[in-house]
């Protein structure tokens, strides 16, 4: 292993400091960052000064709390780097930007024709909003991504779609991941799963997808396709999934399952509107709608119990439709999950919690992986 020089160590500590500011739930002080990084105050002061001169950070006085030297807060520099995030849904797309520190701002959105031409639309939107501050782009995709670049989305008839063939070569560094995994990453870094050592997170939209989170990192697997929990036969469904398998969990959990159980045709776009209609009717006392929600909740709880036996999470986060299912049927989900747990696990069953990042979870996660590509020694050396 190569020996780290003093110059390498300085760059390493600059990256650590920027990362600490980016990850903090609120603007940190110089002293709190020094404690977190286990560096001296003088070293922290030197690093902050260097990063200020590079227009990456700025230090501003905090609100006065009494006598003594006023403390200061570390904030992103107004000329600092930006990451763009794109969430490509089955029928629509959204573009947003994130600044260092995690502030996310939506820029533009639109619908698409369910073909890879969506990336041309997105590229045009990126070009409209890009400035010289744009450092990287993260993309959330509603389907599996093999080896990080090849898209497999069965319900769009995308098979082995090579992302690089559809991206504008003028784009900056671009990273892509599955939307459900990114929703979990967002909750681990910005939401309800922050600080949880071992967690599962499930994003429920038309169907269900998820991720295993270890110390805040979403696990990717050997080919970047780990976490396809929705395509496990956890509930005994006799139906064949569009992925080619029989009995997938996703056939019983999500908007499509809700609409199918209520008697409507499952689908994308219109299906989401029908799903909201089922929720509305259930709230008004419609027995058929309430039964459809019950079935979704039971299937969800059954799968969570099975996966908890295998993966032993401290907590389970739910986003998308999962937030509504917790609100409406928490007791039923927890009861069904507990029934599927091995007996010795029931005394310490995992907490089931509603996500707090909200519908922007995949966007937030996409911006986070874009910043992961930025906050590196290689990138930082370009700023000095």
Protein backbone atom coordinates (compact mmCIF):
# COMPACT_ATOMS: atom_id res chain seq x y z
CA UNK A 1 0.00 0.00 0.00
CA UNK A 2 1.37 3.43 -0.95
CA UNK A 3 2.46 5.70 1.88
CA UNK A 4 0.26 8.77 2.39
CA UNK A 5 2.26 11.99 2.03
CA UNK A 6 1.53 15.17 3.98
CA UNK A 7 -0.12 16.61 0.85
CA UNK A 8 -2.29 13.48 0.54
CA UNK A 9 -3.26 13.77 4.21
CA UNK A 10 -4.27 17.42 3.74
CA UNK A 11 -6.51 16.53 0.78
CA UNK A 12 -7.93 13.59 2.74
CA UNK A 13 -8.86 15.87 5.65
CA UNK A 14 -10.39 18.47 3.33
CA UNK A 15 -12.65 15.77 1.92
CA UNK A 16 -13.56 14.55 5.41
CA UNK A 17 -14.46 18.08 6.48
CA UNK A 18 -16.61 18.72 3.41
CA UNK A 19 -18.31 15.36 3.95
CA UNK A 20 -19.01 16.24 7.60
CA UNK A 21 -20.64 19.52 6.56
CA UNK A 22 -22.66 17.83 3.82
CA UNK A 23 -23.88 15.00 6.10
CA UNK A 24 -24.75 17.12 9.14
CA UNK A 25 -28.51 17.39 9.87
CA UNK A 26 -28.00 21.13 10.55
CA UNK A 27 -25.14 23.54 9.81
CA UNK A 28 -22.30 22.44 12.13
CA UNK A 29 -19.82 24.58 14.01
CA UNK A 30 -16.10 24.42 13.38
CA UNK A 31 -15.63 23.00 16.89
CA UNK A 32 -18.23 20.23 16.38
CA UNK A 33 -16.61 19.20 13.10
CA UNK A 34 -13.17 19.13 14.76
CA UNK A 35 -14.53 16.82 17.46
CA UNK A 36 -16.24 14.56 14.95
CA UNK A 37 -13.09 14.25 12.82
CA UNK A 38 -10.78 14.00 15.85
CA UNK A 39 -8.56 16.85 14.65
CA UNK A 40 -7.24 19.84 16.56
CA UNK A 41 -8.90 23.25 16.46
CA UNK A 42 -5.91 24.82 14.72
CA UNK A 43 -5.98 22.12 12.05
CA UNK A 44 -9.72 22.62 11.61
CA UNK A 45 -9.21 26.37 11.28
CA UNK A 46 -6.55 25.90 8.62
CA UNK A 47 -8.72 23.48 6.63
CA UNK A 48 -11.76 25.75 6.82
CA UNK A 49 -9.68 28.69 5.60
CA UNK A 50 -8.42 26.68 2.64
CA UNK A 51 -11.93 25.55 1.72
CA UNK A 52 -13.23 29.10 2.01
CA UNK A 53 -10.57 30.34 -0.39
CA UNK A 54 -11.52 27.55 -2.80
CA UNK A 55 -15.17 28.79 -2.63
CA UNK A 56 -16.41 25.52 -1.19
CA UNK A 57 -17.38 26.62 2.34
CA UNK A 58 -18.11 29.83 4.15
CA UNK A 59 -18.05 30.47 7.88
CA UNK A 60 -20.69 32.76 9.37
CA UNK A 61 -21.47 33.83 12.94
CA UNK A 62 -24.20 31.88 14.70
CA UNK A 63 -26.96 33.64 16.61
CA UNK A 64 -25.63 35.04 19.86
CA UNK A 65 -26.50 33.04 22.98
CA UNK A 66 -24.87 35.23 25.62
CA UNK A 67 -21.41 36.27 26.71
CA UNK A 68 -18.21 34.86 25.33
CA UNK A 69 -16.76 34.46 21.90
CA UNK A 70 -19.58 33.93 19.35
CA UNK A 71 -19.52 30.58 17.62
CA UNK A 72 -19.60 30.21 13.87
CA UNK A 73 -21.41 27.90 11.49
CA UNK A 74 -20.00 26.16 8.42
CA UNK A 75 -22.21 26.62 5.35
CA UNK A 76 -21.85 25.78 1.68
CA UNK A 77 -20.30 28.57 -0.37
CA UNK A 78 -22.82 30.28 -2.71
CA UNK A 79 -20.46 29.48 -5.61
CA UNK A 80 -19.88 25.89 -4.50
CA UNK A 81 -20.68 22.68 -6.39
CA UNK A 82 -24.15 21.51 -7.31
CA UNK A 83 -25.38 18.00 -8.01
CA UNK A 84 -28.36 17.38 -10.28
CA UNK A 85 -30.78 14.55 -9.53
CA UNK A 86 -33.20 12.94 -11.97
CA UNK A 87 -36.03 10.60 -10.97
CA UNK A 88 -37.27 8.64 -14.00
CA UNK A 89 -40.65 7.11 -13.16
CA UNK A 90 -42.59 4.68 -15.35
CA UNK A 91 -44.49 7.59 -16.91
CA UNK A 92 -42.78 10.80 -15.81
CA UNK A 93 -39.48 12.41 -14.81
CA UNK A 94 -38.34 15.09 -12.39
CA UNK A 95 -35.12 17.11 -12.32
CA UNK A 96 -33.80 18.71 -9.12
CA UNK A 97 -30.56 20.17 -7.80
CA UNK A 98 -28.83 19.74 -4.45
CA UNK A 99 -26.22 22.01 -2.94
CA UNK A 100 -23.58 20.94 -0.46
CA UNK A 101 -25.41 20.38 2.83
CA UNK A 102 -28.42 18.63 1.31
CA UNK A 103 -30.79 21.42 0.25
CA UNK A 104 -32.86 20.02 -2.63
CA UNK A 105 -34.68 22.24 -5.13
CA UNK A 106 -36.97 20.92 -7.87
CA UNK A 107 -36.19 22.45 -11.26
CA UNK A 108 -38.47 20.84 -13.83
CA UNK A 109 -40.67 17.82 -14.51
CA UNK A 110 -42.50 16.22 -17.40
CA UNK A 111 -44.15 13.10 -18.81
CA UNK A 112 -42.61 10.66 -21.26
CA UNK A 113 -43.66 8.03 -23.80
CA UNK A 114 -42.18 5.07 -21.85
CA UNK A 115 -39.25 4.67 -24.24
CA UNK A 116 -35.55 5.46 -23.69
CA UNK A 117 -36.21 8.74 -25.53
CA UNK A 118 -36.98 10.06 -22.06
CA UNK A 119 -33.23 10.58 -21.63
CA UNK A 120 -33.27 13.04 -24.54
CA UNK A 121 -35.96 15.03 -22.74
CA UNK A 122 -34.02 14.89 -19.50
CA UNK A 123 -30.80 15.89 -21.26
CA UNK A 124 -32.48 18.97 -22.71
CA UNK A 125 -33.72 19.91 -19.23
CA UNK A 126 -30.24 19.41 -17.75
CA UNK A 127 -28.81 21.70 -20.45
CA UNK A 128 -31.41 24.38 -19.68
CA UNK A 129 -30.47 24.52 -16.00
CA UNK A 130 -26.77 23.62 -15.96
CA UNK A 131 -24.12 26.15 -14.93
CA UNK A 132 -20.40 25.80 -14.37
CA UNK A 133 -21.25 24.82 -10.77
CA UNK A 134 -22.76 21.51 -11.91
CA UNK A 135 -20.35 18.77 -10.80
CA UNK A 136 -22.29 15.50 -11.22
CA UNK A 137 -25.69 14.03 -12.08
CA UNK A 138 -27.44 11.18 -10.25
CA UNK A 139 -30.33 9.27 -11.84
CA UNK A 140 -32.99 7.17 -10.09
CA UNK A 141 -34.54 4.47 -12.27
CA UNK A 142 -37.74 2.55 -11.46
CA UNK A 143 -36.26 -0.86 -12.22
CA UNK A 144 -33.15 -3.06 -12.00
CA UNK A 145 -29.81 -1.76 -13.29
CA UNK A 146 -27.26 -4.46 -14.01
CA UNK A 147 -23.58 -3.59 -13.65
CA UNK A 148 -24.47 0.02 -13.04
CA UNK A 149 -25.42 0.99 -16.62
CA UNK A 150 -27.78 -1.58 -18.22
CA UNK A 151 -31.48 -1.02 -17.55
CA UNK A 152 -34.00 -3.87 -17.21
CA UNK A 153 -37.54 -2.55 -16.74
CA UNK A 154 -39.95 -5.31 -17.74
CA UNK A 155 -43.15 -3.25 -17.57
CA UNK A 156 -41.63 -0.76 -20.04
CA UNK A 157 -40.23 -3.55 -22.25
CA UNK A 158 -36.71 -2.26 -21.57
CA UNK A 159 -34.19 -5.07 -21.68
CA UNK A 160 -30.44 -4.45 -21.75
CA UNK A 161 -30.99 -0.74 -22.47
CA UNK A 162 -27.48 0.73 -22.41
CA UNK A 163 -27.76 4.00 -20.51
CA UNK A 164 -24.55 5.38 -22.01
CA UNK A 165 -26.06 5.20 -25.50
CA UNK A 166 -28.81 7.60 -24.44
CA UNK A 167 -26.87 10.17 -22.40
CA UNK A 168 -25.55 13.39 -23.87
CA UNK A 169 -21.77 13.23 -23.97
CA UNK A 170 -21.68 16.80 -22.66
CA UNK A 171 -23.06 15.67 -19.29
CA UNK A 172 -20.71 15.73 -16.30
CA UNK A 173 -19.99 12.55 -14.33
CA UNK A 174 -23.26 10.59 -14.18
CA UNK A 175 -24.23 7.82 -11.76
CA UNK A 176 -27.42 5.78 -11.72
CA UNK A 177 -29.20 3.47 -9.27
CA UNK A 178 -32.53 1.86 -8.51
CA UNK A 179 -35.20 4.21 -7.13
CA UNK A 180 -36.13 2.03 -4.14
CA UNK A 181 -32.52 1.67 -3.07
CA UNK A 182 -32.05 5.44 -3.38
CA UNK A 183 -35.19 6.09 -1.32
CA UNK A 184 -33.65 3.94 1.42
CA UNK A 185 -30.31 5.77 1.13
CA UNK A 186 -32.15 9.07 1.51
CA UNK A 187 -33.83 7.89 4.71
CA UNK A 188 -30.48 6.65 6.06
CA UNK A 189 -28.75 9.98 5.40
CA UNK A 190 -31.54 12.53 5.76
CA UNK A 191 -34.51 10.80 7.36
CA UNK A 192 -35.95 8.32 9.80
CA UNK A 193 -33.17 5.69 9.40
CA UNK A 194 -30.29 8.05 10.16
CA UNK A 195 -27.98 6.40 12.68
CA UNK A 196 -29.56 2.91 12.40
CA UNK A 197 -26.87 0.25 12.04
CA UNK A 198 -28.87 -2.44 10.21
CA UNK A 199 -32.10 -1.47 8.47
CA UNK A 200 -34.37 -2.47 5.61
CA UNK A 201 -36.23 0.11 3.59
CA UNK A 202 -39.06 -0.42 1.12
CA UNK A 203 -40.38 2.12 -1.37
CA UNK A 204 -43.91 1.29 -2.48
CA UNK A 205 -45.27 2.85 -5.64
CA UNK A 206 -46.86 0.76 -8.40
CA UNK A 207 -45.17 -2.20 -6.70
CA UNK A 208 -42.56 -2.69 -3.98
CA UNK A 209 -38.78 -2.51 -4.05
CA UNK A 210 -36.25 -2.21 -1.28
CA UNK A 211 -32.75 -2.25 0.05
CA UNK A 212 -30.68 -3.50 2.94
CA UNK A 213 -28.80 -0.67 4.70
CA UNK A 214 -25.67 -1.34 6.75
CA UNK A 215 -24.32 1.64 8.69
CA UNK A 216 -26.19 3.94 6.32
CA UNK A 217 -24.90 2.35 3.11
CA UNK A 218 -27.29 0.67 0.66
CA UNK A 219 -26.00 -2.75 -0.36
CA UNK A 220 -25.61 -3.27 -4.09
CA UNK A 221 -24.53 -6.87 -4.62
CA UNK A 222 -22.08 -8.34 -7.12
CA UNK A 223 -23.85 -6.89 -10.19
CA UNK A 224 -25.50 -3.83 -8.64
CA UNK A 225 -28.94 -5.50 -8.59
CA UNK A 226 -29.27 -6.50 -4.92
CA UNK A 227 -32.54 -5.63 -3.22
CA UNK A 228 -35.11 -6.94 -5.70
CA UNK A 229 -37.20 -8.08 -2.75
CA UNK A 230 -40.39 -7.45 -4.70
CA UNK A 231 -39.49 -10.38 -6.95
CA UNK A 232 -39.34 -12.95 -4.16
CA UNK A 233 -42.27 -15.39 -3.67
CA UNK A 234 -43.07 -14.20 -0.15
CA UNK A 235 -46.87 -14.30 -0.21
CA UNK A 236 -47.76 -17.31 -2.34
CA UNK A 237 -49.38 -15.43 -5.22
CA UNK A 238 -50.27 -17.70 -8.18
CA UNK A 239 -49.90 -14.84 -10.68
CA UNK A 240 -47.05 -14.47 -13.15
CA UNK A 241 -45.13 -11.23 -12.87
CA UNK A 242 -43.97 -9.19 -15.87
CA UNK A 243 -40.41 -10.01 -14.76
CA UNK A 244 -41.05 -13.63 -15.81
CA UNK A 245 -41.32 -15.18 -12.34
CA UNK A 246 -44.43 -16.57 -10.65
CA UNK A 247 -45.61 -15.40 -7.25
CA UNK A 248 -43.63 -12.16 -6.85
CA UNK A 249 -44.32 -10.20 -3.66
CA UNK A 250 -44.81 -7.07 -5.76
CA UNK A 251 -47.97 -8.61 -7.24
CA UNK A 252 -49.61 -8.26 -3.82
CA UNK A 253 -48.13 -4.98 -2.53
CA UNK A 254 -48.42 -1.56 -4.14
CA UNK A 255 -50.78 0.53 -6.21
CA UNK A 256 -51.21 -2.11 -8.93
CA UNK A 257 -52.25 -4.73 -6.36
CA UNK A 258 -54.57 -2.22 -4.70
CA UNK A 259 -56.30 -1.40 -7.97
CA UNK A 260 -56.47 -5.07 -9.08
CA UNK A 261 -58.03 -6.12 -5.76
CA UNK A 262 -60.57 -3.28 -6.05
CA UNK A 263 -61.59 -4.51 -9.49
CA UNK A 264 -59.80 -1.99 -11.69
CA UNK A 265 -57.13 -2.63 -14.35
CA UNK A 266 -53.57 -2.32 -13.05
CA UNK A 267 -51.34 0.02 -14.98
CA UNK A 268 -48.99 2.96 -14.84
CA UNK A 269 -49.96 6.62 -14.72
CA UNK A 270 -53.72 6.04 -14.56
CA UNK A 271 -53.06 3.30 -12.02
CA UNK A 272 -51.62 5.81 -9.57
CA UNK A 273 -54.75 7.95 -9.85
CA UNK A 274 -56.96 4.90 -9.31
CA UNK A 275 -54.88 3.99 -6.27
CA UNK A 276 -55.54 7.39 -4.72
CA UNK A 277 -59.23 6.90 -5.47
CA UNK A 278 -59.20 3.60 -3.55
CA UNK A 279 -57.60 5.33 -0.56
CA UNK A 280 -60.20 8.09 -0.70
CA UNK A 281 -63.10 5.64 -0.86
CA UNK A 282 -61.72 3.63 2.04
CA UNK A 283 -61.54 6.80 4.15
CA UNK A 284 -65.23 7.39 3.31
CA UNK A 285 -66.17 3.91 4.52
CA UNK A 286 -66.32 1.93 1.26
CA UNK A 287 -66.04 -1.73 2.35
CA UNK A 288 -64.51 -2.99 -0.92
CA UNK A 289 -61.82 -0.30 -0.85
CA UNK A 290 -61.09 -1.01 2.82
CA UNK A 291 -60.73 -4.72 2.03
CA UNK A 292 -58.27 -3.94 -0.77
CA UNK A 293 -56.15 -1.95 1.66
CA UNK A 294 -56.34 -4.77 4.20
CA UNK A 295 -55.00 -7.21 1.62
CA UNK A 296 -52.10 -4.89 0.78
CA UNK A 297 -51.26 -4.47 4.47
CA UNK A 298 -51.39 -8.22 5.18
CA UNK A 299 -49.17 -9.02 2.19
CA UNK A 300 -46.74 -6.29 3.23
CA UNK A 301 -46.55 -7.53 6.83
CA UNK A 302 -46.08 -11.14 5.75
CA UNK A 303 -43.13 -10.24 3.54
CA UNK A 304 -41.56 -8.01 6.19
CA UNK A 305 -41.69 -10.86 8.69
CA UNK A 306 -40.01 -13.30 6.30
CA UNK A 307 -37.26 -10.86 5.37
CA UNK A 308 -36.70 -9.93 9.02
CA UNK A 309 -35.99 -13.58 9.80
CA UNK A 310 -33.31 -13.55 7.11
CA UNK A 311 -31.72 -10.12 7.58
CA UNK A 312 -32.29 -9.20 11.25
CA UNK A 313 -32.90 -5.43 10.91
CA UNK A 314 -33.19 -3.02 13.82
CA UNK A 315 -35.77 -0.99 11.92
CA UNK A 316 -37.82 -1.15 8.71
CA UNK A 317 -38.60 2.06 6.85
CA UNK A 318 -41.48 2.49 4.40
CA UNK A 319 -41.96 5.26 1.87
CA UNK A 320 -44.37 6.06 -0.96
CA UNK A 321 -47.67 4.21 -0.48
CA UNK A 322 -46.04 2.57 2.55
CA UNK A 323 -46.54 5.78 4.52
CA UNK A 324 -50.29 5.62 3.84
CA UNK A 325 -50.42 1.92 4.71
CA UNK A 326 -48.74 2.61 8.06
CA UNK A 327 -51.16 5.46 8.75
CA UNK A 328 -54.22 3.40 7.88
CA UNK A 329 -53.22 -0.15 8.91
CA UNK A 330 -50.22 -0.03 11.24
CA UNK A 331 -51.71 -2.58 13.63
CA UNK A 332 -52.51 -5.05 10.86
CA UNK A 333 -49.02 -4.72 9.32
CA UNK A 334 -47.28 -5.20 12.68
CA UNK A 335 -49.53 -8.11 13.66
CA UNK A 336 -48.93 -9.92 10.38
CA UNK A 337 -45.20 -9.22 10.48
CA UNK A 338 -44.96 -10.57 14.05
CA UNK A 339 -46.87 -13.72 13.09
CA UNK A 340 -44.23 -14.45 10.47
CA UNK A 341 -41.28 -13.93 12.81
CA UNK A 342 -39.49 -16.83 14.42
CA UNK A 343 -40.73 -17.01 18.02
CA UNK A 344 -37.45 -15.93 19.63
CA UNK A 345 -37.43 -12.74 17.52
CA UNK A 346 -40.82 -11.46 18.61
CA UNK A 347 -39.62 -9.91 21.87
CA UNK A 348 -37.36 -7.58 19.87
CA UNK A 349 -39.26 -7.25 16.62
CA UNK A 350 -37.89 -4.58 14.28
CA UNK A 351 -39.52 -1.17 14.45
CA UNK A 352 -41.67 -0.37 11.40
CA UNK A 353 -41.44 3.35 10.70
CA UNK A 354 -42.80 5.76 8.11
CA UNK A 355 -40.20 7.53 6.02
CA UNK A 356 -39.78 11.25 6.65
CA UNK A 357 -38.03 12.33 3.44
CA UNK A 358 -41.31 11.91 1.56
CA UNK A 359 -41.99 11.42 -2.15
CA UNK A 360 -38.66 13.04 -3.00
CA UNK A 361 -36.77 10.09 -1.51
CA UNK A 362 -35.51 8.73 -4.88
CA UNK A 363 -34.52 12.26 -5.98
CA UNK A 364 -32.72 12.88 -2.70
CA UNK A 365 -30.90 9.56 -2.95
CA UNK A 366 -29.91 10.30 -6.55
CA UNK A 367 -28.42 13.63 -5.49
CA UNK A 368 -26.57 11.89 -2.66
CA UNK A 369 -24.84 9.41 -4.98
CA UNK A 370 -23.94 12.31 -7.26
CA UNK A 371 -22.22 14.03 -4.32
CA UNK A 372 -20.53 10.73 -3.46
CA UNK A 373 -18.93 10.97 -6.91
CA UNK A 374 -17.90 14.58 -6.19
CA UNK A 375 -16.57 14.48 -2.64
CA UNK A 376 -13.38 12.61 -3.47
CA UNK A 377 -9.68 13.50 -3.35
CA UNK A 378 -9.50 13.37 -7.16
CA UNK A 379 -12.28 15.94 -7.59
CA UNK A 380 -11.03 18.16 -4.79
CA UNK A 381 -7.57 18.44 -6.33
CA UNK A 382 -9.21 20.16 -9.33
CA UNK A 383 -10.34 22.98 -7.04
CA UNK A 384 -6.87 23.88 -5.75
